[in-house]
Amino acid sequence: MSYDCQVFVGNVSHYHLEENLMGTFGGHHRVKEVEMICDRETDIPLGFAYVTFFEPKEVQLAIDEFNGTGYMERKLIVRKADRRNDKLNYQREGDGLGCGDDNYGGRRSCGGGSGDGGH
């Protein structure tokens, strides 16, 4: 998979579903997939996700549109995905929800999240 078409979305509510992000981003852009990242042992979302678009140009448009915006009583962090460093950078920024805790048991996709191609 090419990460050129992907954004990191941080400060996502633990009660948030992939379908919510799909609706939010897909309402404005052609979303291919949304991947919420969950704790491996508890299956609880860790507060961040990846949104994959069909075209690289959608990445900067989504960043410009959604970074810093209020969503479900939270201020979203939206930036170009960097799978090797996103978790580390997110921990340093801190979201006040324990994401800086290294004892979360690992991460994995919460499942689902495929898109229908957007509009």
C-alpha atoms as a PDB file:
ATOM      1  CA  MET A   1       0.000   0.000   0.000  1.00  0.00           C
ATOM      2  CA  SER A   2       1.183   3.465  -0.843  1.00  0.00           C
ATOM      3  CA  TYR A   3       1.044   5.910   2.042  1.00  0.00           C
ATOM      4  CA  ASP A   4       1.094   8.873  -0.364  1.00  0.00           C
ATOM      5  CA  CYS A   5      -2.709   8.778  -0.285  1.00  0.00           C
ATOM      6  CA  GLN A   6      -3.044   8.510   3.492  1.00  0.00           C
ATOM      7  CA  VAL A   7      -3.534  10.872   6.453  1.00  0.00           C
ATOM      8  CA  PHE A   8      -3.070  10.293  10.159  1.00  0.00           C
ATOM      9  CA  VAL A   9      -6.064  11.443  12.244  1.00  0.00           C
ATOM     10  CA  GLY A  10      -5.381  11.927  15.950  1.00  0.00           C
ATOM     11  CA  ASN A  11      -7.424  12.913  18.997  1.00  0.00           C
ATOM     12  CA  VAL A  12     -10.312  10.710  17.895  1.00  0.00           C
ATOM     13  CA  SER A  13     -12.825   9.775  20.585  1.00  0.00           C
ATOM     14  CA  HIS A  14     -12.622   6.225  21.937  1.00  0.00           C
ATOM     15  CA  TYR A  15     -16.354   6.007  21.215  1.00  0.00           C
ATOM     16  CA  HIS A  16     -15.813   6.905  17.599  1.00  0.00           C
ATOM     17  CA  LEU A  17     -16.447   4.347  14.864  1.00  0.00           C
ATOM     18  CA  GLU A  18     -14.721   3.941  11.512  1.00  0.00           C
ATOM     19  CA  GLU A  19     -18.080   4.683   9.902  1.00  0.00           C
ATOM     20  CA  ASN A  20     -18.118   8.122  11.589  1.00  0.00           C
ATOM     21  CA  LEU A  21     -14.752   9.039  10.097  1.00  0.00           C
ATOM     22  CA  MET A  22     -15.774   7.569   6.752  1.00  0.00           C
ATOM     23  CA  GLY A  23     -18.830   9.816   6.753  1.00  0.00           C
ATOM     24  CA  THR A  24     -16.894  12.901   7.815  1.00  0.00           C
ATOM     25  CA  PHE A  25     -14.030  12.610   5.348  1.00  0.00           C
ATOM     26  CA  GLY A  26     -16.064  10.840   2.661  1.00  0.00           C
ATOM     27  CA  GLY A  27     -18.593  13.646   2.604  1.00  0.00           C
ATOM     28  CA  HIS A  28     -15.928  15.910   1.105  1.00  0.00           C
ATOM     29  CA  HIS A  29     -13.333  13.589  -0.466  1.00  0.00           C
ATOM     30  CA  ARG A  30     -13.080  10.204  -2.207  1.00  0.00           C
ATOM     31  CA  VAL A  31     -12.161   7.889   0.687  1.00  0.00           C
ATOM     32  CA  LYS A  32     -10.900   4.411  -0.043  1.00  0.00           C
ATOM     33  CA  GLU A  33     -10.518   3.147   3.540  1.00  0.00           C
ATOM     34  CA  VAL A  34     -10.592   4.178   7.194  1.00  0.00           C
ATOM     35  CA  GLU A  35      -8.498   2.208   9.688  1.00  0.00           C
ATOM     36  CA  MET A  36      -9.038   2.854  13.403  1.00  0.00           C
ATOM     37  CA  ILE A  37      -6.145   1.563  15.506  1.00  0.00           C
ATOM     38  CA  CYS A  38      -7.087  -0.445  18.595  1.00  0.00           C
ATOM     39  CA  ASP A  39      -5.364  -1.996  21.566  1.00  0.00           C
ATOM     40  CA  ARG A  40      -4.442  -5.565  20.691  1.00  0.00           C
ATOM     41  CA  GLU A  41      -5.643  -7.006  23.985  1.00  0.00           C
ATOM     42  CA  THR A  42      -8.726  -4.943  24.826  1.00  0.00           C
ATOM     43  CA  ASP A  43      -9.893  -3.951  21.317  1.00  0.00           C
ATOM     44  CA  ILE A  44     -10.382  -0.389  22.617  1.00  0.00           C
ATOM     45  CA  PRO A  45      -9.568   2.337  20.063  1.00  0.00           C
ATOM     46  CA  LEU A  46      -6.300   4.137  20.856  1.00  0.00           C
ATOM     47  CA  GLY A  47      -7.523   7.539  19.698  1.00  0.00           C
ATOM     48  CA  PHE A  48      -6.061   7.649  16.204  1.00  0.00           C
ATOM     49  CA  ALA A  49      -6.812   6.357  12.737  1.00  0.00           C
ATOM     50  CA  TYR A  50      -5.615   6.384   9.140  1.00  0.00           C
ATOM     51  CA  VAL A  51      -7.760   7.589   6.271  1.00  0.00           C
ATOM     52  CA  THR A  52      -6.753   6.485   2.780  1.00  0.00           C
ATOM     53  CA  PHE A  53      -7.885   8.392  -0.304  1.00  0.00           C
ATOM     54  CA  PHE A  54      -7.993   7.342  -3.934  1.00  0.00           C
ATOM     55  CA  GLU A  55      -5.762  10.216  -5.051  1.00  0.00           C
ATOM     56  CA  PRO A  56      -2.722  11.889  -3.426  1.00  0.00           C
ATOM     57  CA  LYS A  57      -4.142  15.379  -4.040  1.00  0.00           C
ATOM     58  CA  GLU A  58      -6.914  14.590  -1.520  1.00  0.00           C
ATOM     59  CA  VAL A  59      -4.351  14.348   1.290  1.00  0.00           C
ATOM     60  CA  GLN A  60      -3.470  18.047   1.431  1.00  0.00           C
ATOM     61  CA  LEU A  61      -7.102  19.047   0.868  1.00  0.00           C
ATOM     62  CA  ALA A  62      -8.178  16.922   3.850  1.00  0.00           C
ATOM     63  CA  ILE A  63      -5.359  18.296   6.033  1.00  0.00           C
ATOM     64  CA  ASP A  64      -6.306  21.874   5.168  1.00  0.00           C
ATOM     65  CA  GLU A  65      -9.983  21.206   5.789  1.00  0.00           C
ATOM     66  CA  PHE A  66      -9.932  19.093   8.949  1.00  0.00           C
ATOM     67  CA  ASN A  67      -6.714  19.726  10.919  1.00  0.00           C
ATOM     68  CA  GLY A  68      -7.567  21.639  14.089  1.00  0.00           C
ATOM     69  CA  THR A  69     -11.311  21.467  13.542  1.00  0.00           C
ATOM     70  CA  GLY A  70     -13.709  20.513  16.297  1.00  0.00           C
ATOM     71  CA  TYR A  71     -15.241  17.088  15.914  1.00  0.00           C
ATOM     72  CA  MET A  72     -17.300  15.265  18.542  1.00  0.00           C
ATOM     73  CA  GLU A  73     -16.070  17.742  21.190  1.00  0.00           C
ATOM     74  CA  ARG A  74     -12.408  17.230  20.215  1.00  0.00           C
ATOM     75  CA  LYS A  75      -9.889  19.109  18.119  1.00  0.00           C
ATOM     76  CA  LEU A  76      -8.692  16.767  15.363  1.00  0.00           C
ATOM     77  CA  ILE A  77      -5.042  16.368  14.442  1.00  0.00           C
ATOM     78  CA  VAL A  78      -4.820  15.619  10.715  1.00  0.00           C
ATOM     79  CA  ARG A  79      -1.485  15.316   8.920  1.00  0.00           C
ATOM     80  CA  LYS A  80       0.266  13.268   6.272  1.00  0.00           C
ATOM     81  CA  ALA A  81       0.627   9.688   7.453  1.00  0.00           C
ATOM     82  CA  ASP A  82       4.042   8.469   8.589  1.00  0.00           C
ATOM     83  CA  ARG A  83       3.418   4.923   9.823  1.00  0.00           C
ATOM     84  CA  ARG A  84       6.877   4.591  11.335  1.00  0.00           C
ATOM     85  CA  ASN A  85       6.622   7.694  13.506  1.00  0.00           C
ATOM     86  CA  ASP A  86       2.928   8.523  13.986  1.00  0.00           C
ATOM     87  CA  LYS A  87       2.455   6.721  17.300  1.00  0.00           C
ATOM     88  CA  LEU A  88       5.669   8.140  18.757  1.00  0.00           C
ATOM     89  CA  ASN A  89       4.848  11.686  17.606  1.00  0.00           C
ATOM     90  CA  TYR A  90       1.283  11.372  18.880  1.00  0.00           C
ATOM     91  CA  GLN A  91       2.536  10.276  22.316  1.00  0.00           C
ATOM     92  CA  ARG A  92       4.845  13.295  22.488  1.00  0.00           C
ATOM     93  CA  GLU A  93       2.001  15.675  21.634  1.00  0.00           C
ATOM     94  CA  GLY A  94      -0.216  13.968  24.199  1.00  0.00           C
ATOM     95  CA  ASP A  95      -3.953  13.807  23.872  1.00  0.00           C
ATOM     96  CA  GLY A  96      -4.739  13.640  27.593  1.00  0.00           C
ATOM     97  CA  LEU A  97      -6.236  10.189  27.175  1.00  0.00           C
ATOM     98  CA  GLY A  98      -3.335   7.937  28.051  1.00  0.00           C
ATOM     99  CA  CYS A  99      -2.042   7.486  24.507  1.00  0.00           C
ATOM    100  CA  GLY A 100       1.413   8.263  25.850  1.00  0.00           C
ATOM    101  CA  ASP A 101       1.323   5.046  27.867  1.00  0.00           C
ATOM    102  CA  ASP A 102       3.651   2.487  26.325  1.00  0.00           C
ATOM    103  CA  ASN A 103       1.881  -0.356  28.148  1.00  0.00           C
ATOM    104  CA  TYR A 104      -1.117  -0.486  25.835  1.00  0.00           C
ATOM    105  CA  GLY A 105      -0.372  -3.985  24.612  1.00  0.00           C
ATOM    106  CA  GLY A 106       0.358  -3.191  20.977  1.00  0.00           C
ATOM    107  CA  ARG A 107      -1.854  -1.922  18.218  1.00  0.00           C
ATOM    108  CA  ARG A 108      -3.937  -3.356  15.431  1.00  0.00           C
ATOM    109  CA  SER A 109      -6.734  -2.308  13.164  1.00  0.00           C
ATOM    110  CA  CYS A 110     -10.184  -2.378  14.770  1.00  0.00           C
ATOM    111  CA  GLY A 111     -11.472  -3.892  11.537  1.00  0.00           C
ATOM    112  CA  GLY A 112     -13.880  -2.822   8.794  1.00  0.00           C
ATOM    113  CA  GLY A 113     -13.464   0.596   7.310  1.00  0.00           C
ATOM    114  CA  SER A 114     -13.604   0.035   3.590  1.00  0.00           C
ATOM    115  CA  GLY A 115     -14.972   2.898   1.564  1.00  0.00           C
ATOM    116  CA  ASP A 116     -17.344   3.034  -1.331  1.00  0.00           C
ATOM    117  CA  GLY A 117     -15.369   5.546  -3.323  1.00  0.00           C
ATOM    118  CA  GLY A 118     -16.891   8.702  -1.902  1.00  0.00           C
ATOM    119  CA  HIS A 119     -18.641  11.256  -4.039  1.00  0.00           C
END
